[in-house]
Structure formats: structure tokens, C-alpha cells
C-alpha atoms as a PDB file:
ATOM      1  CA  MET A   1     -13.011   9.326  -9.191  1.00  0.00           C
ATOM      2  CA  ALA A   2     -12.177  12.806  -8.160  1.00  0.00           C
ATOM      3  CA  THR A   3     -11.671  15.029 -11.194  1.00  0.00           C
ATOM      4  CA  GLY A   4      -7.829  15.668 -11.930  1.00  0.00           C
ATOM      5  CA  PHE A   5      -6.696  12.426 -12.091  1.00  0.00           C
ATOM      6  CA  PRO A   6      -6.898  11.079 -15.807  1.00  0.00           C
ATOM      7  CA  LEU A   7      -8.418   7.748 -14.999  1.00  0.00           C
ATOM      8  CA  VAL A   8     -11.868   7.225 -13.585  1.00  0.00           C
ATOM      9  CA  ILE A   9     -11.873   3.238 -13.417  1.00  0.00           C
ATOM     10  CA  GLN A  10      -9.354   1.499 -11.134  1.00  0.00           C
ATOM     11  CA  PRO A  11      -6.897  -0.704 -13.007  1.00  0.00           C
ATOM     12  CA  SER A  12      -5.397  -4.000 -12.280  1.00  0.00           C
ATOM     13  CA  LEU A  13      -1.440  -3.370 -12.206  1.00  0.00           C
ATOM     14  CA  ALA A  14       0.366  -6.438 -13.274  1.00  0.00           C
ATOM     15  CA  GLY A  15       4.185  -7.684 -12.887  1.00  0.00           C
ATOM     16  CA  GLN A  16       6.078 -10.582 -12.815  1.00  0.00           C
ATOM     17  CA  LEU A  17       5.508 -11.734  -9.403  1.00  0.00           C
ATOM     18  CA  ILE A  18       2.058 -10.560  -8.386  1.00  0.00           C
ATOM     19  CA  GLU A  19      -0.821  -8.694 -10.012  1.00  0.00           C
ATOM     20  CA  LEU A  20      -2.651  -5.863  -7.838  1.00  0.00           C
ATOM     21  CA  ARG A  21      -6.503  -6.206  -8.719  1.00  0.00           C
ATOM     22  CA  PRO A  22      -9.211  -3.951  -7.246  1.00  0.00           C
ATOM     23  CA  LEU A  23     -10.208  -4.928  -3.765  1.00  0.00           C
ATOM     24  CA  LEU A  24     -13.928  -6.247  -3.710  1.00  0.00           C
ATOM     25  CA  PRO A  25     -16.408  -7.494  -1.195  1.00  0.00           C
ATOM     26  CA  ASP A  26     -16.049 -10.954  -2.555  1.00  0.00           C
ATOM     27  CA  HIS A  27     -12.354 -11.067  -1.527  1.00  0.00           C
ATOM     28  CA  ARG A  28     -13.210 -11.161   2.177  1.00  0.00           C
ATOM     29  CA  MET A  29     -12.467 -14.713   2.791  1.00  0.00           C
ATOM     30  CA  ALA A  30      -9.238 -14.506   0.832  1.00  0.00           C
ATOM     31  CA  LEU A  31      -7.930 -11.544   2.947  1.00  0.00           C
ATOM     32  CA  LEU A  32      -8.807 -13.696   6.104  1.00  0.00           C
ATOM     33  CA  ASP A  33      -6.814 -16.599   4.420  1.00  0.00           C
ATOM     34  CA  ALA A  34      -3.937 -14.369   3.753  1.00  0.00           C
ATOM     35  CA  ALA A  35      -4.001 -12.797   7.106  1.00  0.00           C
ATOM     36  CA  ALA A  36      -4.382 -15.768   8.749  1.00  0.00           C
ATOM     37  CA  ASP A  37      -0.979 -16.771   7.656  1.00  0.00           C
ATOM     38  CA  GLY A  38       1.190 -15.184  10.734  1.00  0.00           C
ATOM     39  CA  GLU A  39      -2.310 -14.247  12.324  1.00  0.00           C
ATOM     40  CA  LEU A  40      -1.293 -10.808  11.077  1.00  0.00           C
ATOM     41  CA  TRP A  41      -4.331  -9.425  12.832  1.00  0.00           C
ATOM     42  CA  ASN A  42      -2.197  -9.215  16.038  1.00  0.00           C
ATOM     43  CA  LEU A  43       0.161  -6.935  15.143  1.00  0.00           C
ATOM     44  CA  ASN A  44      -0.124  -3.671  17.006  1.00  0.00           C
ATOM     45  CA  VAL A  45       1.900  -1.528  14.628  1.00  0.00           C
ATOM     46  CA  THR A  46      -0.702  -1.998  11.522  1.00  0.00           C
ATOM     47  CA  ALA A  47      -4.392  -2.259  11.062  1.00  0.00           C
ATOM     48  CA  VAL A  48      -4.873  -5.817   9.430  1.00  0.00           C
ATOM     49  CA  PRO A  49      -8.255  -7.376   8.989  1.00  0.00           C
ATOM     50  CA  GLY A  50      -9.349 -10.198  11.406  1.00  0.00           C
ATOM     51  CA  PRO A  51     -12.373 -12.352  12.106  1.00  0.00           C
ATOM     52  CA  ASP A  52     -13.982  -9.431  13.911  1.00  0.00           C
ATOM     53  CA  THR A  53     -12.712  -6.496  11.752  1.00  0.00           C
ATOM     54  CA  VAL A  54     -12.812  -7.767   8.004  1.00  0.00           C
ATOM     55  CA  ASP A  55     -16.189  -6.639   7.110  1.00  0.00           C
ATOM     56  CA  ARG A  56     -15.521  -3.118   8.637  1.00  0.00           C
ATOM     57  CA  TYR A  57     -12.014  -3.071   6.555  1.00  0.00           C
ATOM     58  CA  VAL A  58     -13.969  -3.942   3.394  1.00  0.00           C
ATOM     59  CA  ALA A  59     -16.635  -1.392   3.721  1.00  0.00           C
ATOM     60  CA  THR A  60     -14.297   1.370   4.657  1.00  0.00           C
ATOM     61  CA  ALA A  61     -12.438   0.520   1.442  1.00  0.00           C
ATOM     62  CA  MET A  62     -15.276   0.536  -0.572  1.00  0.00           C
ATOM     63  CA  THR A  63     -16.363   3.709   0.644  1.00  0.00           C
ATOM     64  CA  GLN A  64     -13.009   5.471   0.068  1.00  0.00           C
ATOM     65  CA  ARG A  65     -13.064   4.277  -3.589  1.00  0.00           C
ATOM     66  CA  GLN A  66     -16.780   5.312  -3.976  1.00  0.00           C
ATOM     67  CA  ALA A  67     -15.514   8.814  -2.697  1.00  0.00           C
ATOM     68  CA  GLY A  68     -12.622   9.087  -4.892  1.00  0.00           C
ATOM     69  CA  THR A  69     -10.144   9.135  -2.002  1.00  0.00           C
ATOM     70  CA  ALA A  70      -8.603   5.679  -2.380  1.00  0.00           C
ATOM     71  CA  MET A  71      -8.056   2.999  -4.679  1.00  0.00           C
ATOM     72  CA  PRO A  72      -7.986  -0.351  -2.570  1.00  0.00           C
ATOM     73  CA  PHE A  73      -6.063  -3.427  -3.928  1.00  0.00           C
ATOM     74  CA  VAL A  74      -5.714  -7.023  -3.189  1.00  0.00           C
ATOM     75  CA  ILE A  75      -2.303  -8.521  -3.828  1.00  0.00           C
ATOM     76  CA  VAL A  76      -2.383 -11.615  -5.798  1.00  0.00           C
ATOM     77  CA  ARG A  77       0.497 -14.000  -6.496  1.00  0.00           C
ATOM     78  CA  ARG A  78       0.559 -14.572 -10.024  1.00  0.00           C
ATOM     79  CA  ASP A  79       1.898 -18.362  -9.894  1.00  0.00           C
ATOM     80  CA  ALA A  80      -0.605 -19.680  -7.380  1.00  0.00           C
ATOM     81  CA  GLY A  81      -3.623 -17.128  -8.062  1.00  0.00           C
ATOM     82  CA  ARG A  82      -3.773 -16.719  -4.401  1.00  0.00           C
ATOM     83  CA  VAL A  83      -4.310 -13.417  -2.571  1.00  0.00           C
ATOM     84  CA  VAL A  84      -1.377 -12.754  -0.090  1.00  0.00           C
ATOM     85  CA  GLY A  85      -1.946  -9.295   1.148  1.00  0.00           C
ATOM     86  CA  SER A  86      -3.416  -5.701   0.422  1.00  0.00           C
ATOM     87  CA  THR A  87      -2.115  -2.196  -0.419  1.00  0.00           C
ATOM     88  CA  ARG A  88      -3.955   1.244  -0.943  1.00  0.00           C
ATOM     89  CA  LEU A  89      -3.423   4.241  -2.903  1.00  0.00           C
ATOM     90  CA  TRP A  90      -5.380   6.752  -0.622  1.00  0.00           C
ATOM     91  CA  LYS A  91      -5.286  10.215   0.454  1.00  0.00           C
ATOM     92  CA  MET A  92      -5.820  11.088  -3.320  1.00  0.00           C
ATOM     93  CA  ASP A  93      -5.351  14.758  -3.660  1.00  0.00           C
ATOM     94  CA  PRO A  94      -5.740  15.566  -7.612  1.00  0.00           C
ATOM     95  CA  GLN A  95      -6.071  19.249  -7.175  1.00  0.00           C
ATOM     96  CA  ASN A  96      -2.172  19.159  -6.015  1.00  0.00           C
ATOM     97  CA  ARG A  97      -1.565  15.977  -7.591  1.00  0.00           C
ATOM     98  CA  LYS A  98      -0.267  13.940  -4.518  1.00  0.00           C
ATOM     99  CA  LEU A  99      -1.493  10.817  -2.846  1.00  0.00           C
ATOM    100  CA  GLU A 100      -0.359   8.205  -0.164  1.00  0.00           C
ATOM    101  CA  ILE A 101       0.558   4.402  -0.431  1.00  0.00           C
ATOM    102  CA  GLY A 102      -0.544   2.953   2.511  1.00  0.00           C
ATOM    103  CA  HIS A 103      -2.702  -0.004   4.473  1.00  0.00           C
ATOM    104  CA  THR A 104       0.047  -2.426   2.906  1.00  0.00           C
ATOM    105  CA  TRP A 105       0.346  -5.839   4.526  1.00  0.00           C
ATOM    106  CA  LEU A 106       1.498  -9.341   3.554  1.00  0.00           C
ATOM    107  CA  SER A 107       1.079 -12.924   4.654  1.00  0.00           C
ATOM    108  CA  ALA A 108       3.932 -14.090   6.608  1.00  0.00           C
ATOM    109  CA  SER A 109       5.197 -16.288   3.985  1.00  0.00           C
ATOM    110  CA  ALA A 110       5.294 -13.510   1.219  1.00  0.00           C
ATOM    111  CA  GLN A 111       7.395 -11.268   2.991  1.00  0.00           C
ATOM    112  CA  ARG A 112      11.072 -10.939   1.998  1.00  0.00           C
ATOM    113  CA  THR A 113      10.050 -12.656  -1.437  1.00  0.00           C
ATOM    114  CA  GLY A 114      10.134  -9.667  -3.597  1.00  0.00           C
ATOM    115  CA  VAL A 115       6.582  -9.004  -3.546  1.00  0.00           C
ATOM    116  CA  ASN A 116       6.326  -6.160  -1.394  1.00  0.00           C
ATOM    117  CA  THR A 117       9.192  -4.239  -3.856  1.00  0.00           C
ATOM    118  CA  GLU A 118       7.195  -5.097  -6.904  1.00  0.00           C
ATOM    119  CA  ALA A 119       3.766  -3.784  -5.094  1.00  0.00           C
ATOM    120  CA  LYS A 120       5.291  -0.581  -4.312  1.00  0.00           C
ATOM    121  CA  PHE A 121       6.996  -0.357  -8.081  1.00  0.00           C
ATOM    122  CA  LEU A 122       3.692  -1.080  -9.892  1.00  0.00           C
ATOM    123  CA  LEU A 123       2.031   1.432  -7.468  1.00  0.00           C
ATOM    124  CA  LEU A 124       4.635   4.243  -7.856  1.00  0.00           C
ATOM    125  CA  GLN A 125       4.999   3.629 -11.807  1.00  0.00           C
ATOM    126  CA  TYR A 126       1.219   4.230 -11.837  1.00  0.00           C
ATOM    127  CA  ALA A 127       0.964   7.218  -9.290  1.00  0.00           C
ATOM    128  CA  PHE A 128       3.791   9.009 -11.475  1.00  0.00           C
ATOM    129  CA  GLU A 129       3.184   7.967 -15.197  1.00  0.00           C
ATOM    130  CA  THR A 130      -0.394   7.728 -15.064  1.00  0.00           C
ATOM    131  CA  LEU A 131      -1.633   9.746 -12.575  1.00  0.00           C
ATOM    132  CA  ASP A 132       0.851  12.320 -13.271  1.00  0.00           C
ATOM    133  CA  CYS A 133       1.491  12.669  -9.581  1.00  0.00           C
ATOM    134  CA  VAL A 134       4.209  15.608  -8.112  1.00  0.00           C
ATOM    135  CA  ARG A 135       4.363  13.555  -4.860  1.00  0.00           C
ATOM    136  CA  VAL A 136       4.036  10.048  -3.354  1.00  0.00           C
ATOM    137  CA  GLN A 137       4.197   9.875   0.660  1.00  0.00           C
ATOM    138  CA  PHE A 138       4.284   6.893   2.831  1.00  0.00           C
ATOM    139  CA  THR A 139       3.255   6.983   6.623  1.00  0.00           C
ATOM    140  CA  THR A 140       4.244   4.207   9.169  1.00  0.00           C
ATOM    141  CA  ASP A 141       4.231   3.518  12.978  1.00  0.00           C
ATOM    142  CA  GLU A 142       7.413   5.192  14.766  1.00  0.00           C
ATOM    143  CA  LEU A 143       7.787   1.496  16.442  1.00  0.00           C
ATOM    144  CA  ASN A 144       7.688  -0.435  12.937  1.00  0.00           C
ATOM    145  CA  ALA A 145      11.278  -0.474  12.191  1.00  0.00           C
ATOM    146  CA  THR A 146      10.757  -3.121   9.442  1.00  0.00           C
ATOM    147  CA  SER A 147       8.449  -1.037   7.548  1.00  0.00           C
ATOM    148  CA  ARG A 148      10.301   1.949   8.116  1.00  0.00           C
ATOM    149  CA  ALA A 149      13.966   0.582   6.735  1.00  0.00           C
ATOM    150  CA  ALA A 150      11.507  -1.180   3.903  1.00  0.00           C
ATOM    151  CA  ILE A 151      10.351   2.572   2.844  1.00  0.00           C
ATOM    152  CA  LEU A 152      13.863   3.730   3.013  1.00  0.00           C
ATOM    153  CA  ARG A 153      15.324   0.975   0.797  1.00  0.00           C
ATOM    154  CA  LEU A 154      12.684   2.349  -1.730  1.00  0.00           C
ATOM    155  CA  GLY A 155      14.294   5.617  -2.011  1.00  0.00           C
ATOM    156  CA  ALA A 156      12.124   7.603  -0.159  1.00  0.00           C
ATOM    157  CA  VAL A 157      13.090  10.577   1.991  1.00  0.00           C
ATOM    158  CA  GLN A 158      12.256  10.631   5.757  1.00  0.00           C
ATOM    159  CA  GLU A 159      10.665  13.952   6.566  1.00  0.00           C
ATOM    160  CA  GLY A 160       9.788  13.863  10.240  1.00  0.00           C
ATOM    161  CA  ILE A 161       7.770  12.316  13.053  1.00  0.00           C
ATOM    162  CA  ILE A 162       4.292  13.518  13.120  1.00  0.00           C
ATOM    163  CA  ARG A 163       3.416  13.212  17.126  1.00  0.00           C
ATOM    164  CA  HIS A 164      -0.015  11.382  18.135  1.00  0.00           C
ATOM    165  CA  GLU A 165      -0.851  10.934  14.405  1.00  0.00           C
ATOM    166  CA  ARG A 166      -3.651   8.469  15.081  1.00  0.00           C
ATOM    167  CA  ILE A 167      -5.281   6.218  17.776  1.00  0.00           C
ATOM    168  CA  MET A 168      -4.501   2.390  17.421  1.00  0.00           C
ATOM    169  CA  PRO A 169      -7.219  -0.085  18.001  1.00  0.00           C
ATOM    170  CA  ASP A 170      -5.427  -0.747  21.494  1.00  0.00           C
ATOM    171  CA  GLY A 171      -6.012   2.592  22.452  1.00  0.00           C
ATOM    172  CA  ARG A 172      -2.208   3.614  22.020  1.00  0.00           C
ATOM    173  CA  LYS A 173      -1.533   7.392  20.520  1.00  0.00           C
ATOM    174  CA  ARG A 174       0.808   6.557  17.857  1.00  0.00           C
ATOM    175  CA  ASN A 175       3.554   8.625  16.634  1.00  0.00           C
ATOM    176  CA  SER A 176       4.101   8.378  12.554  1.00  0.00           C
ATOM    177  CA  VAL A 177       6.856   8.674  10.530  1.00  0.00           C
ATOM    178  CA  ARG A 178       6.156  10.369   7.214  1.00  0.00           C
ATOM    179  CA  PHE A 179       8.302   9.778   4.273  1.00  0.00           C
ATOM    180  CA  SER A 180       8.059  11.020   0.671  1.00  0.00           C
ATOM    181  CA  LEU A 181       9.291  10.694  -2.977  1.00  0.00           C
ATOM    182  CA  ILE A 182       8.666  13.493  -5.522  1.00  0.00           C
ATOM    183  CA  ASP A 183       8.431  13.383  -9.359  1.00  0.00           C
ATOM    184  CA  ASP A 184      12.005  14.502  -9.868  1.00  0.00           C
ATOM    185  CA  GLU A 185      13.184  11.593  -7.792  1.00  0.00           C
ATOM    186  CA  TRP A 186      11.129   8.819  -9.603  1.00  0.00           C
ATOM    187  CA  PRO A 187      13.483   8.270 -12.531  1.00  0.00           C
ATOM    188  CA  GLU A 188      16.287   7.404 -10.399  1.00  0.00           C
ATOM    189  CA  VAL A 189      14.183   5.318  -7.999  1.00  0.00           C
ATOM    190  CA  LYS A 190      12.365   3.662 -11.092  1.00  0.00           C
ATOM    191  CA  SER A 191      15.903   2.508 -12.420  1.00  0.00           C
ATOM    192  CA  ARG A 192      16.759   1.287  -8.887  1.00  0.00           C
ATOM    193  CA  LEU A 193      13.734  -0.755  -8.443  1.00  0.00           C
ATOM    194  CA  GLN A 194      13.714  -2.187 -11.881  1.00  0.00           C
ATOM    195  CA  GLN A 195      17.194  -3.561 -10.989  1.00  0.00           C
ATOM    196  CA  LYS A 196      15.979  -5.142  -7.678  1.00  0.00           C
ATOM    197  CA  ARG A 197      13.109  -7.058  -9.916  1.00  0.00           C
ATOM    198  CA  ARG A 198      15.260  -8.723 -11.958  1.00  0.00           C
ATOM    199  CA  PRO A 199      15.566 -12.441 -11.324  1.00  0.00           C
ATOM    200  CA  GLY A 200      18.934 -13.628 -10.089  1.00  0.00           C
END
């Protein structure tokens, strides 16, 4: 990885429900199977790999990892050993000790099950406690009310709307909402997320 962050090899991150494993080309079919649960590639507010785009999706992830700007993961349910989605640390900026958590999507059956909360906890803990980040940001589509609400529930602060931040696959000029957590806020956010992860 790029100099400045202390680790060079992307780790696996294990929680109670899930394990985040480095995304590999061999995960191509597992990603397609996970995305087929809900036909997520039809969503217009995020980019989820489908039959026509999965090879480009994986190749981009590998290129970003090789460049040291991203750590792409598959999200694996520990009880079933099955891939149920993907997420990524990206826009990694070691000089300024900041990065973004994004490219997150989950199979329809894995949504609202605690998987997303645990994935975010593991990534945030790694970012703040291992990589020593001072800032972690999130960016989502202005139209994606579900994602916006989930990010706010983490304890992130909404910073503003970035107009025409990217062009979506259907050609729409997307306005994006930017959120962040900073190192001073992590202890309180960590405590709250640990409470949410406790069974019962």
C-alpha cells in the first residue's frame, strides 16, 4: 500500500456475524450470486456488479488495491460461509491520514440483519485504531434515503451536498451527500456501535 499507513497487506477483519475478506478475482461468481438476491444491479442509486459489469467491477477493485488507494472486501456471513455483499476502504490518503468507506452493498436478505452495522464497525475500528486515521468519510447519492439514514445512525456528521459529483451508469448527474467521522468522535461512536452489536 501507499507509504504512510502502517500496514502493507490488506487484512481480513472478523466480527461476530461476518468476516471481511480481501476481494479476489475468484469471488466473481459469489459476487454475482449475492447481487442476484434482490437483483441489486437494477438499483439506480448505487453501482452493484451484474452479469455485464462484474468483470470490470473486479478489475477496478484490483487496480485500486495495486495502486494503494483502496482495500476492497467481500462480506462473508460466518454462519453460512457465503458472500452477501461487498465494501471498500478507498480514496486512501496516507499523508493526510484519511480515507472513505464506500462501494457498500448487501444482498436483499442480508439487509436489516446487523451485517451492515458490523461491517462499518470493523472498517471504522481498523481505520482509526490500526491505520491511525484522523478522518473517515462517507458519500452517498442524494436520492438514497436508506443509505443516508444508515450513515447518520452510525453517528457520522453530514457536511453538505456536492452537486453533480459523478455521472451514474444511466447518465444521471448525481448530487452526493458527504458525511464524516473524525478521530475525536470515534470513542463515543465505537461505544454506541458495540452496544448495537450485542445480541439480544
